[in-house]
Amino acid sequence: MVSLRPDRRGTSTLGCLVMLVLLAGAAYYGMHIGGIYLRYYELLDDMRQQARFASQRTDQAIQSTLIAQADSILGQAPNFRIHRGGHPNRITIQAEYSESVELPLFKHTFVLRPRAEEPL
């Protein structure tokens, strides 16, 4: 019996190995970079919650709560800017901070600017 297909033993194993290496690399990079955005969204959620209940709290109380939460999330406390006013009456809470990531073949500093705004 003559086979029309040449012997391809090993090629599927090599292709699988290449895909596994690429998947592991994507997971490694994604875990480190994704952690930055996870912390950003945690802080943004805290800022939105403080803005939601701002009519019952002073700016100083909001500031101290956010500093404590940011310190536990980020290990640093960015400068929070709180502004009340406008038409209609609103509260705006803003911050800016940076996080750096150093990975093989990749080094970058992310500058993040969370902002929460709610009506009073």
PDB file of N, CA and C in Angstrom:
ATOM      1  N   MET A   1       0.838  -1.168   0.000  1.00  0.00           N
ATOM      2  CA  MET A   1       0.000   0.000   0.000  1.00  0.00           C
ATOM      3  C   MET A   1       0.889   1.239   0.000  1.00  0.00           C
ATOM      4  N   VAL A   2       0.601   2.182  -0.868  1.00  0.00           N
ATOM      5  CA  VAL A   2       1.388   3.394  -1.013  1.00  0.00           C
ATOM      6  C   VAL A   2       0.625   4.559  -0.371  1.00  0.00           C
ATOM      7  N   SER A   3       1.322   5.284   0.492  1.00  0.00           N
ATOM      8  CA  SER A   3       0.697   6.432   1.172  1.00  0.00           C
ATOM      9  C   SER A   3       1.024   7.698   0.394  1.00  0.00           C
ATOM     10  N   LEU A   4      -0.003   8.511   0.143  1.00  0.00           N
ATOM     11  CA  LEU A   4       0.203   9.768  -0.582  1.00  0.00           C
ATOM     12  C   LEU A   4       0.694  10.890   0.329  1.00  0.00           C
ATOM     13  N   ARG A   5       0.530  10.715   1.634  1.00  0.00           N
ATOM     14  CA  ARG A   5       0.972  11.748   2.581  1.00  0.00           C
ATOM     15  C   ARG A   5       2.361  11.409   3.092  1.00  0.00           C
ATOM     16  N   PRO A   6       3.274  12.376   3.049  1.00  0.00           N
ATOM     17  CA  PRO A   6       4.603  12.112   3.609  1.00  0.00           C
ATOM     18  C   PRO A   6       4.515  12.036   5.138  1.00  0.00           C
ATOM     19  N   ASP A   7       5.482  11.380   5.722  1.00  0.00           N
ATOM     20  CA  ASP A   7       5.511  11.244   7.174  1.00  0.00           C
ATOM     21  C   ASP A   7       5.737  12.617   7.805  1.00  0.00           C
ATOM     22  N   ARG A   8       4.786  13.057   8.638  1.00  0.00           N
ATOM     23  CA  ARG A   8       4.850  14.400   9.241  1.00  0.00           C
ATOM     24  C   ARG A   8       4.985  14.296  10.751  1.00  0.00           C
ATOM     25  N   ARG A   9       5.594  13.287  11.212  1.00  0.00           N
ATOM     26  CA  ARG A   9       5.740  13.084  12.640  1.00  0.00           C
ATOM     27  C   ARG A   9       6.580  14.204  13.258  1.00  0.00           C
ATOM     28  N   GLY A  10       6.091  14.776  14.368  1.00  0.00           N
ATOM     29  CA  GLY A  10       6.847  15.818  15.058  1.00  0.00           C
ATOM     30  C   GLY A  10       6.391  17.226  14.747  1.00  0.00           C
ATOM     31  N   THR A  11       5.799  17.452  13.576  1.00  0.00           N
ATOM     32  CA  THR A  11       5.416  18.822  13.229  1.00  0.00           C
ATOM     33  C   THR A  11       4.264  19.303  14.089  1.00  0.00           C
ATOM     34  N   SER A  12       3.337  18.450  14.435  1.00  0.00           N
ATOM     35  CA  SER A  12       2.230  18.888  15.285  1.00  0.00           C
ATOM     36  C   SER A  12       2.727  19.151  16.705  1.00  0.00           C
ATOM     37  N   THR A  13       3.700  18.394  17.152  1.00  0.00           N
ATOM     38  CA  THR A  13       4.271  18.607  18.478  1.00  0.00           C
ATOM     39  C   THR A  13       4.999  19.949  18.532  1.00  0.00           C
ATOM     40  N   LEU A  14       5.739  20.285  17.503  1.00  0.00           N
ATOM     41  CA  LEU A  14       6.448  21.555  17.456  1.00  0.00           C
ATOM     42  C   LEU A  14       5.460  22.720  17.404  1.00  0.00           C
ATOM     43  N   GLY A  15       4.408  22.579  16.620  1.00  0.00           N
ATOM     44  CA  GLY A  15       3.393  23.631  16.544  1.00  0.00           C
ATOM     45  C   GLY A  15       2.701  23.837  17.878  1.00  0.00           C
ATOM     46  N   CYS A  16       2.427  22.756  18.573  1.00  0.00           N
ATOM     47  CA  CYS A  16       1.802  22.828  19.892  1.00  0.00           C
ATOM     48  C   CYS A  16       2.743  23.499  20.888  1.00  0.00           C
ATOM     49  N   LEU A  17       4.011  23.172  20.834  1.00  0.00           N
ATOM     50  CA  LEU A  17       4.999  23.768  21.729  1.00  0.00           C
ATOM     51  C   LEU A  17       5.115  25.272  21.493  1.00  0.00           C
ATOM     52  N   VAL A  18       5.139  25.685  20.234  1.00  0.00           N
ATOM     53  CA  VAL A  18       5.212  27.118  19.909  1.00  0.00           C
ATOM     54  C   VAL A  18       3.978  27.846  20.449  1.00  0.00           C
ATOM     55  N   MET A  19       2.818  27.254  20.276  1.00  0.00           N
ATOM     56  CA  MET A  19       1.585  27.874  20.779  1.00  0.00           C
ATOM     57  C   MET A  19       1.586  27.962  22.301  1.00  0.00           C
ATOM     58  N   LEU A  20       2.093  26.937  22.975  1.00  0.00           N
ATOM     59  CA  LEU A  20       2.158  26.970  24.433  1.00  0.00           C
ATOM     60  C   LEU A  20       3.116  28.049  24.932  1.00  0.00           C
ATOM     61  N   VAL A  21       4.241  28.213  24.259  1.00  0.00           N
ATOM     62  CA  VAL A  21       5.197  29.256  24.634  1.00  0.00           C
ATOM     63  C   VAL A  21       4.572  30.637  24.424  1.00  0.00           C
ATOM     64  N   LEU A  22       3.887  30.838  23.307  1.00  0.00           N
ATOM     65  CA  LEU A  22       3.222  32.119  23.055  1.00  0.00           C
ATOM     66  C   LEU A  22       2.118  32.391  24.076  1.00  0.00           C
ATOM     67  N   LEU A  23       1.365  31.382  24.414  1.00  0.00           N
ATOM     68  CA  LEU A  23       0.300  31.524  25.403  1.00  0.00           C
ATOM     69  C   LEU A  23       0.875  31.842  26.784  1.00  0.00           C
ATOM     70  N   ALA A  24       1.944  31.179  27.169  1.00  0.00           N
ATOM     71  CA  ALA A  24       2.588  31.446  28.458  1.00  0.00           C
ATOM     72  C   ALA A  24       3.146  32.869  28.500  1.00  0.00           C
ATOM     73  N   GLY A  25       3.744  33.309  27.392  1.00  0.00           N
ATOM     74  CA  GLY A  25       4.261  34.687  27.335  1.00  0.00           C
ATOM     75  C   GLY A  25       3.144  35.708  27.445  1.00  0.00           C
ATOM     76  N   ALA A  26       2.039  35.479  26.749  1.00  0.00           N
ATOM     77  CA  ALA A  26       0.899  36.401  26.825  1.00  0.00           C
ATOM     78  C   ALA A  26       0.323  36.428  28.234  1.00  0.00           C
ATOM     79  N   ALA A  27       0.241  35.277  28.885  1.00  0.00           N
ATOM     80  CA  ALA A  27      -0.274  35.230  30.254  1.00  0.00           C
ATOM     81  C   ALA A  27       0.656  35.958  31.220  1.00  0.00           C
ATOM     82  N   TYR A  28       1.972  35.796  31.050  1.00  0.00           N
ATOM     83  CA  TYR A  28       2.950  36.461  31.913  1.00  0.00           C
ATOM     84  C   TYR A  28       2.867  37.974  31.773  1.00  0.00           C
ATOM     85  N   TYR A  29       2.873  38.474  30.543  1.00  0.00           N
ATOM     86  CA  TYR A  29       2.778  39.906  30.307  1.00  0.00           C
ATOM     87  C   TYR A  29       1.415  40.436  30.742  1.00  0.00           C
ATOM     88  N   GLY A  30       0.360  39.680  30.419  1.00  0.00           N
ATOM     89  CA  GLY A  30      -0.990  40.111  30.762  1.00  0.00           C
ATOM     90  C   GLY A  30      -1.220  40.193  32.257  1.00  0.00           C
ATOM     91  N   MET A  31      -0.619  39.292  32.995  1.00  0.00           N
ATOM     92  CA  MET A  31      -0.779  39.303  34.447  1.00  0.00           C
ATOM     93  C   MET A  31      -0.170  40.569  35.045  1.00  0.00           C
ATOM     94  N   HIS A  32       1.004  40.972  34.597  1.00  0.00           N
ATOM     95  CA  HIS A  32       1.656  42.154  35.147  1.00  0.00           C
ATOM     96  C   HIS A  32       0.985  43.446  34.680  1.00  0.00           C
ATOM     97  N   ILE A  33       0.679  43.531  33.418  1.00  0.00           N
ATOM     98  CA  ILE A  33       0.043  44.747  32.892  1.00  0.00           C
ATOM     99  C   ILE A  33      -1.421  44.801  33.328  1.00  0.00           C
ATOM    100  N   GLY A  34      -2.091  43.675  33.358  1.00  0.00           N
ATOM    101  CA  GLY A  34      -3.481  43.638  33.807  1.00  0.00           C
ATOM    102  C   GLY A  34      -3.626  44.041  35.257  1.00  0.00           C
ATOM    103  N   GLY A  35      -2.628  43.745  36.086  1.00  0.00           N
ATOM    104  CA  GLY A  35      -2.650  44.144  37.490  1.00  0.00           C
ATOM    105  C   GLY A  35      -2.698  45.649  37.653  1.00  0.00           C
ATOM    106  N   ILE A  36      -2.022  46.361  36.769  1.00  0.00           N
ATOM    107  CA  ILE A  36      -2.038  47.829  36.808  1.00  0.00           C
ATOM    108  C   ILE A  36      -3.454  48.336  36.574  1.00  0.00           C
ATOM    109  N   TYR A  37      -4.120  47.783  35.573  1.00  0.00           N
ATOM    110  CA  TYR A  37      -5.481  48.235  35.269  1.00  0.00           C
ATOM    111  C   TYR A  37      -6.495  47.750  36.305  1.00  0.00           C
ATOM    112  N   LEU A  38      -6.249  46.615  36.921  1.00  0.00           N
ATOM    113  CA  LEU A  38      -7.116  46.148  37.990  1.00  0.00           C
ATOM    114  C   LEU A  38      -7.072  47.120  39.171  1.00  0.00           C
ATOM    115  N   ARG A  39      -5.868  47.539  39.557  1.00  0.00           N
ATOM    116  CA  ARG A  39      -5.733  48.518  40.647  1.00  0.00           C
ATOM    117  C   ARG A  39      -6.358  49.853  40.267  1.00  0.00           C
ATOM    118  N   TYR A  40      -6.238  50.261  38.997  1.00  0.00           N
ATOM    119  CA  TYR A  40      -6.851  51.503  38.514  1.00  0.00           C
ATOM    120  C   TYR A  40      -8.372  51.440  38.689  1.00  0.00           C
ATOM    121  N   TYR A  41      -8.983  50.341  38.271  1.00  0.00           N
ATOM    122  CA  TYR A  41     -10.441  50.231  38.374  1.00  0.00           C
ATOM    123  C   TYR A  41     -10.915  50.086  39.816  1.00  0.00           C
ATOM    124  N   GLU A  42     -10.096  49.490  40.686  1.00  0.00           N
ATOM    125  CA  GLU A  42     -10.444  49.451  42.107  1.00  0.00           C
ATOM    126  C   GLU A  42     -10.471  50.864  42.681  1.00  0.00           C
ATOM    127  N   LEU A  43      -9.453  51.659  42.361  1.00  0.00           N
ATOM    128  CA  LEU A  43      -9.404  53.037  42.847  1.00  0.00           C
ATOM    129  C   LEU A  43     -10.548  53.857  42.251  1.00  0.00           C
ATOM    130  N   LEU A  44     -10.821  53.690  40.979  1.00  0.00           N
ATOM    131  CA  LEU A  44     -11.918  54.408  40.333  1.00  0.00           C
ATOM    132  C   LEU A  44     -13.252  54.054  40.981  1.00  0.00           C
ATOM    133  N   ASP A  45     -13.455  52.799  41.312  1.00  0.00           N
ATOM    134  CA  ASP A  45     -14.685  52.387  41.979  1.00  0.00           C
ATOM    135  C   ASP A  45     -14.816  53.059  43.345  1.00  0.00           C
ATOM    136  N   ASP A  46     -13.711  53.134  44.100  1.00  0.00           N
ATOM    137  CA  ASP A  46     -13.733  53.823  45.392  1.00  0.00           C
ATOM    138  C   ASP A  46     -14.046  55.308  45.217  1.00  0.00           C
ATOM    139  N   MET A  47     -13.481  55.923  44.185  1.00  0.00           N
ATOM    140  CA  MET A  47     -13.741  57.339  43.918  1.00  0.00           C
ATOM    141  C   MET A  47     -15.213  57.560  43.563  1.00  0.00           C
ATOM    142  N   ARG A  48     -15.784  56.671  42.755  1.00  0.00           N
ATOM    143  CA  ARG A  48     -17.197  56.797  42.381  1.00  0.00           C
ATOM    144  C   ARG A  48     -18.107  56.626  43.596  1.00  0.00           C
ATOM    145  N   GLN A  49     -17.745  55.713  44.470  1.00  0.00           N
ATOM    146  CA  GLN A  49     -18.536  55.506  45.677  1.00  0.00           C
ATOM    147  C   GLN A  49     -18.489  56.745  46.566  1.00  0.00           C
ATOM    148  N   GLN A  50     -17.327  57.342  46.724  1.00  0.00           N
ATOM    149  CA  GLN A  50     -17.218  58.557  47.529  1.00  0.00           C
ATOM    150  C   GLN A  50     -17.997  59.700  46.886  1.00  0.00           C
ATOM    151  N   ALA A  51     -17.978  59.783  45.566  1.00  0.00           N
ATOM    152  CA  ALA A  51     -18.719  60.839  44.870  1.00  0.00           C
ATOM    153  C   ALA A  51     -20.228  60.630  45.035  1.00  0.00           C
ATOM    154  N   ARG A  52     -20.678  59.377  45.036  1.00  0.00           N
ATOM    155  CA  ARG A  52     -22.096  59.078  45.187  1.00  0.00           C
ATOM    156  C   ARG A  52     -22.646  59.567  46.522  1.00  0.00           C
ATOM    157  N   PHE A  53     -21.839  59.455  47.576  1.00  0.00           N
ATOM    158  CA  PHE A  53     -22.285  59.843  48.915  1.00  0.00           C
ATOM    159  C   PHE A  53     -21.705  61.179  49.353  1.00  0.00           C
ATOM    160  N   ALA A  54     -21.264  61.991  48.418  1.00  0.00           N
ATOM    161  CA  ALA A  54     -20.597  63.257  48.735  1.00  0.00           C
ATOM    162  C   ALA A  54     -21.527  64.272  49.372  1.00  0.00           C
ATOM    163  N   SER A  55     -22.820  64.194  49.121  1.00  0.00           N
ATOM    164  CA  SER A  55     -23.730  65.182  49.702  1.00  0.00           C
ATOM    165  C   SER A  55     -23.793  65.043  51.224  1.00  0.00           C
ATOM    166  N   GLN A  56     -23.385  63.899  51.765  1.00  0.00           N
ATOM    167  CA  GLN A  56     -23.426  63.654  53.200  1.00  0.00           C
ATOM    168  C   GLN A  56     -22.055  63.761  53.861  1.00  0.00           C
ATOM    169  N   ARG A  57     -21.005  64.042  53.083  1.00  0.00           N
ATOM    170  CA  ARG A  57     -19.641  64.047  53.623  1.00  0.00           C
ATOM    171  C   ARG A  57     -18.914  65.321  53.230  1.00  0.00           C
ATOM    172  N   THR A  58     -17.944  65.710  54.022  1.00  0.00           N
ATOM    173  CA  THR A  58     -17.123  66.875  53.708  1.00  0.00           C
ATOM    174  C   THR A  58     -16.006  66.471  52.759  1.00  0.00           C
ATOM    175  N   ASP A  59     -15.420  67.467  52.111  1.00  0.00           N
ATOM    176  CA  ASP A  59     -14.302  67.195  51.205  1.00  0.00           C
ATOM    177  C   ASP A  59     -13.121  66.586  51.958  1.00  0.00           C
ATOM    178  N   GLN A  60     -12.871  67.064  53.178  1.00  0.00           N
ATOM    179  CA  GLN A  60     -11.762  66.539  53.973  1.00  0.00           C
ATOM    180  C   GLN A  60     -11.980  65.066  54.322  1.00  0.00           C
ATOM    181  N   ALA A  61     -13.219  64.690  54.647  1.00  0.00           N
ATOM    182  CA  ALA A  61     -13.521  63.291  54.968  1.00  0.00           C
ATOM    183  C   ALA A  61     -13.364  62.413  53.731  1.00  0.00           C
ATOM    184  N   ILE A  62     -13.819  62.916  52.589  1.00  0.00           N
ATOM    185  CA  ILE A  62     -13.661  62.177  51.327  1.00  0.00           C
ATOM    186  C   ILE A  62     -12.185  61.998  51.011  1.00  0.00           C
ATOM    187  N   GLN A  63     -11.410  63.079  51.149  1.00  0.00           N
ATOM    188  CA  GLN A  63      -9.969  63.052  50.853  1.00  0.00           C
ATOM    189  C   GLN A  63      -9.256  62.030  51.739  1.00  0.00           C
ATOM    190  N   SER A  64      -9.518  62.051  53.039  1.00  0.00           N
ATOM    191  CA  SER A  64      -8.812  61.136  53.940  1.00  0.00           C
ATOM    192  C   SER A  64      -9.205  59.675  53.671  1.00  0.00           C
ATOM    193  N   THR A  65     -10.471  59.425  53.345  1.00  0.00           N
ATOM    194  CA  THR A  65     -10.907  58.063  53.014  1.00  0.00           C
ATOM    195  C   THR A  65     -10.228  57.574  51.742  1.00  0.00           C
ATOM    196  N   LEU A  66     -10.178  58.428  50.722  1.00  0.00           N
ATOM    197  CA  LEU A  66      -9.551  58.037  49.457  1.00  0.00           C
ATOM    198  C   LEU A  66      -8.051  57.816  49.609  1.00  0.00           C
ATOM    199  N   ILE A  67      -7.404  58.630  50.421  1.00  0.00           N
ATOM    200  CA  ILE A  67      -5.956  58.457  50.638  1.00  0.00           C
ATOM    201  C   ILE A  67      -5.693  57.109  51.304  1.00  0.00           C
ATOM    202  N   ALA A  68      -6.506  56.749  52.288  1.00  0.00           N
ATOM    203  CA  ALA A  68      -6.325  55.462  52.968  1.00  0.00           C
ATOM    204  C   ALA A  68      -6.578  54.302  52.004  1.00  0.00           C
ATOM    205  N   GLN A  69      -7.623  54.407  51.196  1.00  0.00           N
ATOM    206  CA  GLN A  69      -7.929  53.332  50.246  1.00  0.00           C
ATOM    207  C   GLN A  69      -6.857  53.234  49.167  1.00  0.00           C
ATOM    208  N   ALA A  70      -6.400  54.364  48.657  1.00  0.00           N
ATOM    209  CA  ALA A  70      -5.362  54.350  47.619  1.00  0.00           C
ATOM    210  C   ALA A  70      -4.058  53.789  48.163  1.00  0.00           C
ATOM    211  N   ASP A  71      -3.755  54.104  49.406  1.00  0.00           N
ATOM    212  CA  ASP A  71      -2.530  53.593  50.004  1.00  0.00           C
ATOM    213  C   ASP A  71      -2.583  52.067  50.128  1.00  0.00           C
ATOM    214  N   SER A  72      -3.749  51.522  50.429  1.00  0.00           N
ATOM    215  CA  SER A  72      -3.857  50.064  50.531  1.00  0.00           C
ATOM    216  C   SER A  72      -3.876  49.394  49.153  1.00  0.00           C
ATOM    217  N   ILE A  73      -4.412  50.077  48.142  1.00  0.00           N
ATOM    218  CA  ILE A  73      -4.487  49.498  46.790  1.00  0.00           C
ATOM    219  C   ILE A  73      -3.166  49.659  46.050  1.00  0.00           C
ATOM    220  N   LEU A  74      -2.625  50.879  46.059  1.00  0.00           N
ATOM    221  CA  LEU A  74      -1.458  51.206  45.236  1.00  0.00           C
ATOM    222  C   LEU A  74      -0.143  51.188  45.998  1.00  0.00           C
ATOM    223  N   GLY A  75      -0.206  51.324  47.312  1.00  0.00           N
ATOM    224  CA  GLY A  75       1.021  51.479  48.083  1.00  0.00           C
ATOM    225  C   GLY A  75       1.520  52.910  48.058  1.00  0.00           C
ATOM    226  N   GLN A  76       0.747  53.783  47.482  1.00  0.00           N
ATOM    227  CA  GLN A  76       1.045  55.214  47.423  1.00  0.00           C
ATOM    228  C   GLN A  76      -0.291  55.947  47.394  1.00  0.00           C
ATOM    229  N   ALA A  77      -0.273  57.205  47.745  1.00  0.00           N
ATOM    230  CA  ALA A  77      -1.517  57.972  47.718  1.00  0.00           C
ATOM    231  C   ALA A  77      -1.356  59.143  46.754  1.00  0.00           C
ATOM    232  N   PRO A  78      -2.052  59.106  45.634  1.00  0.00           N
ATOM    233  CA  PRO A  78      -1.978  60.242  44.709  1.00  0.00           C
ATOM    234  C   PRO A  78      -2.687  61.454  45.304  1.00  0.00           C
ATOM    235  N   ASN A  79      -2.443  62.602  44.716  1.00  0.00           N
ATOM    236  CA  ASN A  79      -3.097  63.825  45.152  1.00  0.00           C
ATOM    237  C   ASN A  79      -4.500  63.862  44.549  1.00  0.00           C
ATOM    238  N   PHE A  80      -5.506  63.788  45.400  1.00  0.00           N
ATOM    239  CA  PHE A  80      -6.893  63.827  44.929  1.00  0.00           C
ATOM    240  C   PHE A  80      -7.365  65.272  44.878  1.00  0.00           C
ATOM    241  N   ARG A  81      -7.991  65.640  43.763  1.00  0.00           N
ATOM    242  CA  ARG A  81      -8.576  66.977  43.614  1.00  0.00           C
ATOM    243  C   ARG A  81     -10.088  66.829  43.646  1.00  0.00           C
ATOM    244  N   ILE A  82     -10.716  67.541  44.567  1.00  0.00           N
ATOM    245  CA  ILE A  82     -12.164  67.465  44.734  1.00  0.00           C
ATOM    246  C   ILE A  82     -12.740  68.833  44.412  1.00  0.00           C
ATOM    247  N   HIS A  83     -13.709  68.856  43.512  1.00  0.00           N
ATOM    248  CA  HIS A  83     -14.335  70.126  43.101  1.00  0.00           C
ATOM    249  C   HIS A  83     -15.850  69.964  43.174  1.00  0.00           C
ATOM    250  N   ARG A  84     -16.486  70.894  43.870  1.00  0.00           N
ATOM    251  CA  ARG A  84     -17.951  70.932  43.936  1.00  0.00           C
ATOM    252  C   ARG A  84     -18.414  72.191  43.220  1.00  0.00           C
ATOM    253  N   GLY A  85     -19.515  72.090  42.502  1.00  0.00           N
ATOM    254  CA  GLY A  85     -20.063  73.273  41.847  1.00  0.00           C
ATOM    255  C   GLY A  85     -20.530  72.961  40.445  1.00  0.00           C
ATOM    256  N   GLY A  86     -20.743  74.028  39.694  1.00  0.00           N
ATOM    257  CA  GLY A  86     -21.226  73.886  38.331  1.00  0.00           C
ATOM    258  C   GLY A  86     -22.731  74.010  38.290  1.00  0.00           C
ATOM    259  N   HIS A  87     -23.252  73.919  37.107  1.00  0.00           N
ATOM    260  CA  HIS A  87     -24.705  73.984  36.949  1.00  0.00           C
ATOM    261  C   HIS A  87     -25.145  72.848  36.059  1.00  0.00           C
ATOM    262  N   PRO A  88     -25.820  71.851  36.474  1.00  0.00           N
ATOM    263  CA  PRO A  88     -26.328  71.622  37.824  1.00  0.00           C
ATOM    264  C   PRO A  88     -25.192  71.258  38.785  1.00  0.00           C
ATOM    265  N   ASN A  89     -25.483  71.365  40.071  1.00  0.00           N
ATOM    266  CA  ASN A  89     -24.474  71.153  41.105  1.00  0.00           C
ATOM    267  C   ASN A  89     -23.916  69.728  41.042  1.00  0.00           C
ATOM    268  N   ARG A  90     -22.593  69.606  40.920  1.00  0.00           N
ATOM    269  CA  ARG A  90     -21.931  68.312  40.776  1.00  0.00           C
ATOM    270  C   ARG A  90     -20.684  68.268  41.640  1.00  0.00           C
ATOM    271  N   ILE A  91     -20.195  67.045  41.875  1.00  0.00           N
ATOM    272  CA  ILE A  91     -18.892  66.859  42.504  1.00  0.00           C
ATOM    273  C   ILE A  91     -18.012  66.088  41.522  1.00  0.00           C
ATOM    274  N   THR A  92     -16.777  66.527  41.427  1.00  0.00           N
ATOM    275  CA  THR A  92     -15.796  65.872  40.567  1.00  0.00           C
ATOM    276  C   THR A  92     -14.581  65.528  41.413  1.00  0.00           C
ATOM    277  N   ILE A  93     -14.177  64.279  41.350  1.00  0.00           N
ATOM    278  CA  ILE A  93     -12.985  63.820  42.064  1.00  0.00           C
ATOM    279  C   ILE A  93     -12.003  63.312  41.009  1.00  0.00           C
ATOM    280  N   GLN A  94     -10.793  63.874  41.030  1.00  0.00           N
ATOM    281  CA  GLN A  94      -9.763  63.498  40.049  1.00  0.00           C
ATOM    282  C   GLN A  94      -8.466  63.144  40.766  1.00  0.00           C
ATOM    283  N   ALA A  95      -7.673  62.331  40.125  1.00  0.00           N
ATOM    284  CA  ALA A  95      -6.347  61.984  40.626  1.00  0.00           C
ATOM    285  C   ALA A  95      -5.460  61.663  39.433  1.00  0.00           C
ATOM    286  N   GLU A  96      -4.173  61.697  39.662  1.00  0.00           N
ATOM    287  CA  GLU A  96      -3.200  61.291  38.643  1.00  0.00           C
ATOM    288  C   GLU A  96      -2.040  60.606  39.341  1.00  0.00           C
ATOM    289  N   TYR A  97      -1.653  59.464  38.811  1.00  0.00           N
ATOM    290  CA  TYR A  97      -0.518  58.731  39.354  1.00  0.00           C
ATOM    291  C   TYR A  97       0.091  57.897  38.241  1.00  0.00           C
ATOM    292  N   SER A  98       1.269  57.369  38.501  1.00  0.00           N
ATOM    293  CA  SER A  98       1.929  56.540  37.488  1.00  0.00           C
ATOM    294  C   SER A  98       2.389  55.231  38.116  1.00  0.00           C
ATOM    295  N   GLU A  99       2.409  54.210  37.287  1.00  0.00           N
ATOM    296  CA  GLU A  99       2.929  52.897  37.677  1.00  0.00           C
ATOM    297  C   GLU A  99       3.850  52.418  36.571  1.00  0.00           C
ATOM    298  N   SER A 100       4.978  51.860  36.961  1.00  0.00           N
ATOM    299  CA  SER A 100       5.944  51.345  35.989  1.00  0.00           C
ATOM    300  C   SER A 100       5.942  49.826  36.007  1.00  0.00           C
ATOM    301  N   VAL A 101       6.189  49.270  34.849  1.00  0.00           N
ATOM    302  CA  VAL A 101       6.320  47.820  34.730  1.00  0.00           C
ATOM    303  C   VAL A 101       7.594  47.540  33.944  1.00  0.00           C
ATOM    304  N   GLU A 102       8.404  46.616  34.479  1.00  0.00           N
ATOM    305  CA  GLU A 102       9.652  46.224  33.824  1.00  0.00           C
ATOM    306  C   GLU A 102       9.605  44.723  33.578  1.00  0.00           C
ATOM    307  N   LEU A 103       9.446  44.353  32.338  1.00  0.00           N
ATOM    308  CA  LEU A 103       9.382  42.954  31.929  1.00  0.00           C
ATOM    309  C   LEU A 103      10.437  42.710  30.863  1.00  0.00           C
ATOM    310  N   PRO A 104      10.776  41.455  30.600  1.00  0.00           N
ATOM    311  CA  PRO A 104      11.720  41.198  29.514  1.00  0.00           C
ATOM    312  C   PRO A 104      11.194  41.774  28.190  1.00  0.00           C
ATOM    313  N   LEU A 105      12.017  42.516  27.513  1.00  0.00           N
ATOM    314  CA  LEU A 105      11.707  43.148  26.229  1.00  0.00           C
ATOM    315  C   LEU A 105      10.658  44.259  26.331  1.00  0.00           C
ATOM    316  N   PHE A 106      10.264  44.646  27.543  1.00  0.00           N
ATOM    317  CA  PHE A 106       9.205  45.655  27.698  1.00  0.00           C
ATOM    318  C   PHE A 106       9.419  46.420  28.992  1.00  0.00           C
ATOM    319  N   LYS A 107       9.511  47.732  28.872  1.00  0.00           N
ATOM    320  CA  LYS A 107       9.622  48.607  30.035  1.00  0.00           C
ATOM    321  C   LYS A 107       8.768  49.826  29.726  1.00  0.00           C
ATOM    322  N   HIS A 108       7.791  50.096  30.593  1.00  0.00           N
ATOM    323  CA  HIS A 108       6.880  51.200  30.309  1.00  0.00           C
ATOM    324  C   HIS A 108       6.361  51.795  31.612  1.00  0.00           C
ATOM    325  N   THR A 109       6.098  53.095  31.593  1.00  0.00           N
ATOM    326  CA  THR A 109       5.465  53.781  32.710  1.00  0.00           C
ATOM    327  C   THR A 109       4.074  54.202  32.261  1.00  0.00           C
ATOM    328  N   PHE A 110       3.076  53.717  32.966  1.00  0.00           N
ATOM    329  CA  PHE A 110       1.691  54.057  32.679  1.00  0.00           C
ATOM    330  C   PHE A 110       1.291  55.249  33.539  1.00  0.00           C
ATOM    331  N   VAL A 111       0.748  56.288  32.924  1.00  0.00           N
ATOM    332  CA  VAL A 111       0.215  57.434  33.648  1.00  0.00           C
ATOM    333  C   VAL A 111      -1.301  57.299  33.627  1.00  0.00           C
ATOM    334  N   LEU A 112      -1.889  57.182  34.802  1.00  0.00           N
ATOM    335  CA  LEU A 112      -3.321  56.911  34.920  1.00  0.00           C
ATOM    336  C   LEU A 112      -4.020  58.103  35.567  1.00  0.00           C
ATOM    337  N   ARG A 113      -5.198  58.441  35.057  1.00  0.00           N
ATOM    338  CA  ARG A 113      -5.953  59.605  35.528  1.00  0.00           C
ATOM    339  C   ARG A 113      -7.407  59.220  35.805  1.00  0.00           C
ATOM    340  N   PRO A 114      -7.674  58.583  36.946  1.00  0.00           N
ATOM    341  CA  PRO A 114      -9.066  58.257  37.249  1.00  0.00           C
ATOM    342  C   PRO A 114      -9.872  59.516  37.559  1.00  0.00           C
ATOM    343  N   ARG A 115     -11.147  59.495  37.190  1.00  0.00           N
ATOM    344  CA  ARG A 115     -12.034  60.652  37.389  1.00  0.00           C
ATOM    345  C   ARG A 115     -13.446  60.137  37.668  1.00  0.00           C
ATOM    346  N   ALA A 116     -14.035  60.665  38.736  1.00  0.00           N
ATOM    347  CA  ALA A 116     -15.397  60.300  39.099  1.00  0.00           C
ATOM    348  C   ALA A 116     -16.225  61.583  39.203  1.00  0.00           C
ATOM    349  N   GLU A 117     -17.439  61.544  38.669  1.00  0.00           N
ATOM    350  CA  GLU A 117     -18.306  62.719  38.671  1.00  0.00           C
ATOM    351  C   GLU A 117     -19.732  62.270  38.953  1.00  0.00           C
ATOM    352  N   GLU A 118     -20.399  62.968  39.880  1.00  0.00           N
ATOM    353  CA  GLU A 118     -21.775  62.632  40.253  1.00  0.00           C
ATOM    354  C   GLU A 118     -22.535  63.916  40.554  1.00  0.00           C
ATOM    355  N   PRO A 119     -23.846  63.920  40.332  1.00  0.00           N
ATOM    356  CA  PRO A 119     -24.656  65.081  40.725  1.00  0.00           C
ATOM    357  C   PRO A 119     -24.810  65.118  42.254  1.00  0.00           C
ATOM    358  N   LEU A 120     -24.927  66.333  42.794  1.00  0.00           N
ATOM    359  CA  LEU A 120     -25.140  66.477  44.244  1.00  0.00           C
ATOM    360  C   LEU A 120     -26.605  66.661  44.550  1.00  0.00           C
TER     361      LEU A 120
END
